Amino acid sequence: MIAARSSIAHWFAPPTSLHSYLTRLIVGGLGPILIFSVFMMVLLARQEQANRMRGLGDTTRALALAIDREIESSITNLEALATAEPLDVGAVNVFRAAAARILHTQNNWRSLSLFDPKGAQLMRIEKPLVAESNDISRDSLNSVLRTRQPVIGDFSNRNSPESGINIYVPVTREQTLIYILCAVIEPRVFTEILTRQKFPDTWTGTLFDAKRTIIARSRDAEKFIGTSVADLLTTANLLTGDQLVRGVGPDGIAADAAVSRLNRTGWFV
């Protein structure tokens, strides 16, 4: 303590030589500059981080809107098909021909099905070289019957008879539900939306549902689709719309994530 006080007293004592005078002059002049430089470096680093997070948020919201538009487009086309006159009189075989023409104009649809209000499949048409389309799940059927609104099937339910992304639209006449029309969309449609964004090498885009199961991914999609999200995204609050989370990515490296909720499906980008 005595030595420390002696050093401080020596520093503030009047200079005894030209060398000590110049040393104090240089340190005194450079000190404020050094402090200012450190302050600016910290400020710029924080600004860069804020810009990066803002860019993540803007990109995520744009992707959420793009995927919502894709879903809305399919719903609109299904609702138009649901007004077909053959369904007024139960002419399912006649309706099949009209449905087949519509199916082949929709690049993103894999198949079309028609169910009665009890969930029995009355018609199924598919594009060539695709897996067989399956039945409607009880949850999806009940949702359509209850709400009389379009319903997106639960992609992550492994015990469900559904496959792919199923969009159900009620067919009603005079407020009576007479059929349920279903189009199946493959997850690759949403992977393509993510990859078209052309992310920087350090970014990865992921689409996942309310059960935190991955529906689409901008890289290694085949490996990750159907699996649970990484630890970083498990911290996201699924009751919140747009949010920023920070944690560790699947490669063990610290990472930031912007999460945005889709309005129509309740999924997340």
Protein backbone atom coordinates (compact mmCIF):
# COMPACT_ATOMS: atom_id res chain seq x y z
CA MET A 1 0.00 0.00 0.00
CA ILE A 2 2.87 2.37 0.85
CA ALA A 3 4.55 1.53 -2.48
CA ALA A 4 1.30 2.18 -4.39
CA ARG A 5 0.81 5.53 -2.69
CA SER A 6 4.42 6.43 -3.44
CA SER A 7 3.90 5.65 -7.16
CA ILE A 8 0.74 7.76 -7.31
CA ALA A 9 2.44 10.62 -5.50
CA HIS A 10 5.40 10.39 -7.84
CA TRP A 11 3.10 10.56 -10.88
CA PHE A 12 1.34 13.70 -9.71
CA ALA A 13 4.53 15.38 -8.50
CA PRO A 14 6.01 18.09 -10.74
CA PRO A 15 8.23 16.59 -13.51
CA THR A 16 11.91 16.62 -12.65
CA SER A 17 13.24 16.04 -16.18
CA LEU A 18 12.38 16.64 -19.82
CA HIS A 19 11.86 12.90 -20.32
CA SER A 20 9.28 12.62 -17.57
CA TYR A 21 7.60 15.79 -18.80
CA LEU A 22 7.27 14.42 -22.37
CA THR A 23 6.06 11.06 -21.08
CA ARG A 24 3.30 12.72 -19.11
CA LEU A 25 2.41 14.93 -22.05
CA ILE A 26 2.08 11.99 -24.44
CA VAL A 27 0.11 9.84 -21.99
CA GLY A 28 -2.09 12.77 -21.08
CA GLY A 29 -2.78 13.51 -24.73
CA LEU A 30 -3.31 9.91 -25.85
CA GLY A 31 -5.36 8.83 -22.85
CA PRO A 32 -8.59 10.58 -23.85
CA ILE A 33 -8.13 9.39 -27.44
CA LEU A 34 -7.67 5.81 -26.27
CA ILE A 35 -10.73 5.99 -24.04
CA PHE A 36 -12.76 7.52 -26.89
CA SER A 37 -11.56 4.79 -29.29
CA VAL A 38 -12.59 2.01 -26.90
CA PHE A 39 -15.96 3.69 -26.39
CA MET A 40 -16.52 3.94 -30.16
CA MET A 41 -15.54 0.31 -30.70
CA VAL A 42 -18.06 -0.81 -28.11
CA LEU A 43 -20.71 1.49 -29.58
CA LEU A 44 -20.09 0.25 -33.14
CA ALA A 45 -20.17 -3.39 -32.01
CA ARG A 46 -23.53 -2.83 -30.35
CA GLN A 47 -24.82 -1.01 -33.41
CA GLU A 48 -23.67 -3.85 -35.67
CA GLN A 49 -25.42 -6.37 -33.41
CA ALA A 50 -28.61 -4.29 -33.47
CA ASN A 51 -28.49 -4.06 -37.28
CA ARG A 52 -27.93 -7.80 -37.57
CA MET A 53 -30.87 -8.58 -35.31
CA ARG A 54 -33.04 -6.08 -37.20
CA GLY A 55 -32.07 -7.78 -40.46
CA LEU A 56 -32.95 -11.19 -38.99
CA GLY A 57 -36.32 -9.89 -37.83
CA ASP A 58 -37.17 -8.26 -41.17
CA THR A 59 -36.21 -11.38 -43.12
CA THR A 60 -38.18 -13.66 -40.82
CA ARG A 61 -41.34 -11.54 -41.08
CA ALA A 62 -41.04 -11.46 -44.87
CA LEU A 63 -40.73 -15.26 -45.01
CA ALA A 64 -43.71 -15.70 -42.69
CA LEU A 65 -45.80 -13.51 -45.01
CA ALA A 66 -44.63 -15.47 -48.08
CA ILE A 67 -45.58 -18.81 -46.53
CA ASP A 68 -48.92 -17.38 -45.36
CA ARG A 69 -49.61 -16.23 -48.92
CA GLU A 70 -48.83 -19.73 -50.23
CA ILE A 71 -51.33 -21.25 -47.79
CA GLU A 72 -53.95 -18.57 -48.54
CA SER A 73 -53.56 -19.19 -52.29
CA SER A 74 -54.32 -22.88 -51.86
CA ILE A 75 -57.29 -22.12 -49.61
CA THR A 76 -58.71 -19.65 -52.15
CA ASN A 77 -58.42 -22.18 -54.98
CA LEU A 78 -60.00 -24.92 -52.88
CA GLU A 79 -62.87 -22.64 -51.90
CA ALA A 80 -63.48 -21.85 -55.58
CA LEU A 81 -63.46 -25.56 -56.41
CA ALA A 82 -65.90 -26.20 -53.56
CA THR A 83 -68.54 -24.18 -55.42
CA ALA A 84 -68.57 -26.64 -58.35
CA GLU A 85 -72.14 -27.41 -59.43
CA PRO A 86 -71.78 -31.24 -59.55
CA LEU A 87 -71.41 -31.19 -55.77
CA ASP A 88 -74.86 -29.59 -55.48
CA VAL A 89 -76.46 -32.86 -56.53
CA GLY A 90 -73.83 -35.30 -55.23
CA ALA A 91 -72.39 -36.07 -58.68
CA VAL A 92 -68.97 -37.03 -57.34
CA ASN A 93 -67.87 -38.78 -60.53
CA VAL A 94 -68.63 -35.68 -62.58
CA PHE A 95 -66.83 -33.53 -60.03
CA ARG A 96 -63.76 -35.80 -60.31
CA ALA A 97 -63.09 -34.61 -63.87
CA ALA A 98 -63.21 -30.93 -62.83
CA ALA A 99 -61.00 -31.62 -59.81
CA ALA A 100 -58.44 -33.41 -61.99
CA ARG A 101 -58.14 -30.38 -64.26
CA ILE A 102 -57.63 -28.08 -61.28
CA LEU A 103 -55.09 -30.42 -59.68
CA HIS A 104 -52.84 -30.34 -62.72
CA THR A 105 -52.81 -26.53 -62.75
CA GLN A 106 -51.52 -26.40 -59.17
CA ASN A 107 -47.80 -27.12 -59.13
CA ASN A 108 -47.69 -27.28 -55.35
CA TRP A 109 -50.57 -29.72 -54.84
CA ARG A 110 -49.82 -33.43 -54.63
CA SER A 111 -53.39 -34.74 -54.50
CA LEU A 112 -57.04 -33.84 -54.06
CA SER A 113 -59.57 -35.75 -51.95
CA LEU A 114 -63.25 -35.43 -51.12
CA PHE A 115 -64.73 -36.64 -47.82
CA ASP A 116 -68.25 -36.83 -46.51
CA PRO A 117 -69.12 -35.20 -43.14
CA LYS A 118 -68.38 -38.51 -41.37
CA GLY A 119 -64.82 -38.60 -42.72
CA ALA A 120 -65.33 -41.32 -45.34
CA GLN A 121 -63.25 -40.74 -48.45
CA LEU A 122 -65.42 -40.46 -51.56
CA MET A 123 -62.79 -39.49 -54.12
CA ARG A 124 -59.03 -39.25 -54.44
CA ILE A 125 -56.98 -38.09 -57.40
CA GLU A 126 -53.19 -37.84 -57.44
CA LYS A 127 -50.42 -36.63 -59.64
CA PRO A 128 -48.21 -39.39 -61.07
CA LEU A 129 -45.26 -40.76 -59.10
CA VAL A 130 -46.41 -39.67 -55.64
CA ALA A 131 -47.09 -41.65 -52.50
CA GLU A 132 -50.66 -42.67 -51.81
CA SER A 133 -52.71 -40.00 -50.10
CA ASN A 134 -54.18 -41.11 -46.80
CA ASP A 135 -57.33 -40.48 -44.79
CA ILE A 136 -58.49 -37.51 -42.76
CA SER A 137 -57.56 -37.51 -39.07
CA ARG A 138 -60.27 -37.28 -36.43
CA ASP A 139 -58.81 -33.99 -35.12
CA SER A 140 -58.93 -32.36 -38.55
CA LEU A 141 -62.43 -33.68 -39.22
CA ASN A 142 -63.72 -32.37 -35.90
CA SER A 143 -62.11 -28.97 -36.53
CA VAL A 144 -63.84 -28.59 -39.89
CA LEU A 145 -67.19 -29.73 -38.49
CA ARG A 146 -66.89 -27.38 -35.51
CA THR A 147 -65.62 -24.23 -37.22
CA ARG A 148 -66.90 -24.59 -40.81
CA GLN A 149 -63.62 -22.88 -41.72
CA PRO A 150 -60.52 -24.02 -43.64
CA VAL A 151 -58.23 -26.17 -41.49
CA ILE A 152 -54.55 -27.07 -41.93
CA GLY A 153 -53.80 -30.61 -40.78
CA ASP A 154 -51.25 -31.28 -38.03
CA PHE A 155 -48.02 -32.11 -39.81
CA SER A 156 -46.20 -33.30 -36.70
CA ASN A 157 -48.71 -35.91 -35.51
CA ARG A 158 -46.95 -39.18 -36.33
CA ASN A 159 -50.00 -41.24 -35.32
CA SER A 160 -52.22 -39.37 -37.75
CA PRO A 161 -53.41 -41.06 -40.97
CA GLU A 162 -52.61 -37.82 -42.79
CA SER A 163 -49.47 -37.25 -44.85
CA GLY A 164 -47.80 -34.07 -46.08
CA ILE A 165 -49.48 -30.73 -45.40
CA ASN A 166 -53.24 -31.22 -45.59
CA ILE A 167 -55.52 -28.26 -46.23
CA TYR A 168 -59.22 -28.90 -45.64
CA VAL A 169 -62.01 -26.66 -46.90
CA PRO A 170 -65.68 -27.23 -46.01
CA VAL A 171 -68.18 -27.59 -48.86
CA THR A 172 -71.45 -26.05 -47.69
CA ARG A 173 -74.85 -25.55 -49.28
CA GLU A 174 -77.46 -23.43 -47.48
CA GLN A 175 -75.36 -23.47 -44.31
CA THR A 176 -75.21 -27.27 -44.35
CA LEU A 177 -71.84 -28.99 -44.59
CA ILE A 178 -72.11 -31.66 -47.29
CA TYR A 179 -68.45 -32.46 -48.09
CA ILE A 180 -64.88 -31.68 -47.08
CA LEU A 181 -62.37 -30.96 -49.82
CA CYS A 182 -58.67 -31.62 -49.17
CA ALA A 183 -55.47 -30.71 -51.01
CA VAL A 184 -52.13 -32.18 -49.94
CA ILE A 185 -49.03 -29.97 -50.22
CA GLU A 186 -45.54 -31.43 -49.86
CA PRO A 187 -43.09 -29.75 -47.41
CA ARG A 188 -40.65 -29.11 -50.27
CA VAL A 189 -42.88 -26.18 -51.31
CA PHE A 190 -41.97 -24.35 -48.13
CA THR A 191 -38.32 -25.40 -48.28
CA GLU A 192 -38.16 -23.77 -51.72
CA ILE A 193 -39.54 -20.53 -50.27
CA LEU A 194 -36.77 -20.56 -47.65
CA THR A 195 -33.96 -21.38 -50.09
CA ARG A 196 -35.03 -18.67 -52.55
CA GLN A 197 -34.16 -16.14 -49.87
CA LYS A 198 -30.44 -16.93 -50.41
CA PHE A 199 -29.35 -16.52 -46.80
CA PRO A 200 -25.76 -15.68 -45.83
CA ASP A 201 -23.66 -18.77 -45.07
CA THR A 202 -24.05 -18.25 -41.32
CA TRP A 203 -27.87 -18.14 -41.46
CA THR A 204 -30.36 -21.02 -41.51
CA GLY A 205 -34.09 -20.65 -42.15
CA THR A 206 -36.49 -23.07 -40.43
CA LEU A 207 -40.26 -23.51 -40.55
CA PHE A 208 -41.73 -25.39 -37.60
CA ASP A 209 -45.17 -26.04 -36.16
CA ALA A 210 -46.69 -25.48 -32.73
CA LYS A 211 -45.26 -28.82 -31.57
CA ARG A 212 -41.78 -27.52 -32.52
CA THR A 213 -41.46 -30.08 -35.33
CA ILE A 214 -39.56 -28.95 -38.42
CA ILE A 215 -41.67 -28.67 -41.60
CA ALA A 216 -39.05 -27.07 -43.86
CA ARG A 217 -35.41 -25.96 -43.65
CA SER A 218 -33.13 -23.95 -45.90
CA ARG A 219 -30.27 -26.47 -45.62
CA ASP A 220 -30.20 -30.26 -45.17
CA ALA A 221 -34.00 -30.31 -45.32
CA GLU A 222 -34.22 -34.06 -45.93
CA LYS A 223 -32.25 -34.70 -42.75
CA PHE A 224 -34.24 -32.40 -40.46
CA ILE A 225 -37.88 -32.45 -41.68
CA GLY A 226 -40.03 -34.22 -39.12
CA THR A 227 -37.51 -33.81 -36.30
CA SER A 228 -37.67 -31.47 -33.33
CA VAL A 229 -36.08 -28.02 -33.47
CA ALA A 230 -32.67 -27.39 -31.89
CA ASP A 231 -32.28 -26.22 -28.30
CA LEU A 232 -32.03 -22.59 -29.42
CA LEU A 233 -35.61 -22.58 -30.75
CA THR A 234 -37.05 -24.46 -27.79
CA THR A 235 -36.62 -21.23 -25.84
CA ALA A 236 -39.04 -19.38 -28.15
CA ASN A 237 -42.36 -18.40 -26.59
CA LEU A 238 -45.03 -19.93 -28.83
CA LEU A 239 -47.63 -17.51 -27.51
CA THR A 240 -45.68 -14.51 -28.82
CA GLY A 241 -45.67 -13.21 -32.39
CA ASP A 242 -42.29 -11.71 -33.30
CA GLN A 243 -39.41 -12.31 -30.91
CA LEU A 244 -35.63 -12.57 -30.65
CA VAL A 245 -33.93 -15.43 -28.81
CA ARG A 246 -30.30 -16.12 -28.00
CA GLY A 247 -28.65 -19.43 -27.18
CA VAL A 248 -26.69 -22.30 -28.73
CA GLY A 249 -27.32 -23.62 -32.24
CA PRO A 250 -27.31 -27.30 -33.31
CA ASP A 251 -23.55 -27.08 -33.98
CA GLY A 252 -22.85 -25.99 -30.40
CA ILE A 253 -21.98 -22.41 -31.39
CA ALA A 254 -23.64 -19.39 -29.78
CA ALA A 255 -26.35 -18.03 -32.07
CA ASP A 256 -29.16 -15.51 -32.34
CA ALA A 257 -32.59 -16.25 -33.81
CA ALA A 258 -35.52 -14.13 -34.92
CA VAL A 259 -38.86 -15.96 -34.70
CA SER A 260 -42.09 -14.88 -36.39
CA ARG A 261 -45.50 -16.56 -36.15
CA LEU A 262 -47.66 -17.23 -39.21
CA ASN A 263 -51.17 -15.86 -38.88
CA ARG A 264 -53.05 -18.57 -40.78
CA THR A 265 -51.41 -21.77 -39.50
CA GLY A 266 -49.87 -20.94 -36.14
CA TRP A 267 -46.53 -22.17 -37.50
CA PHE A 268 -43.26 -20.30 -36.97
CA VAL A 269 -40.33 -19.13 -39.12
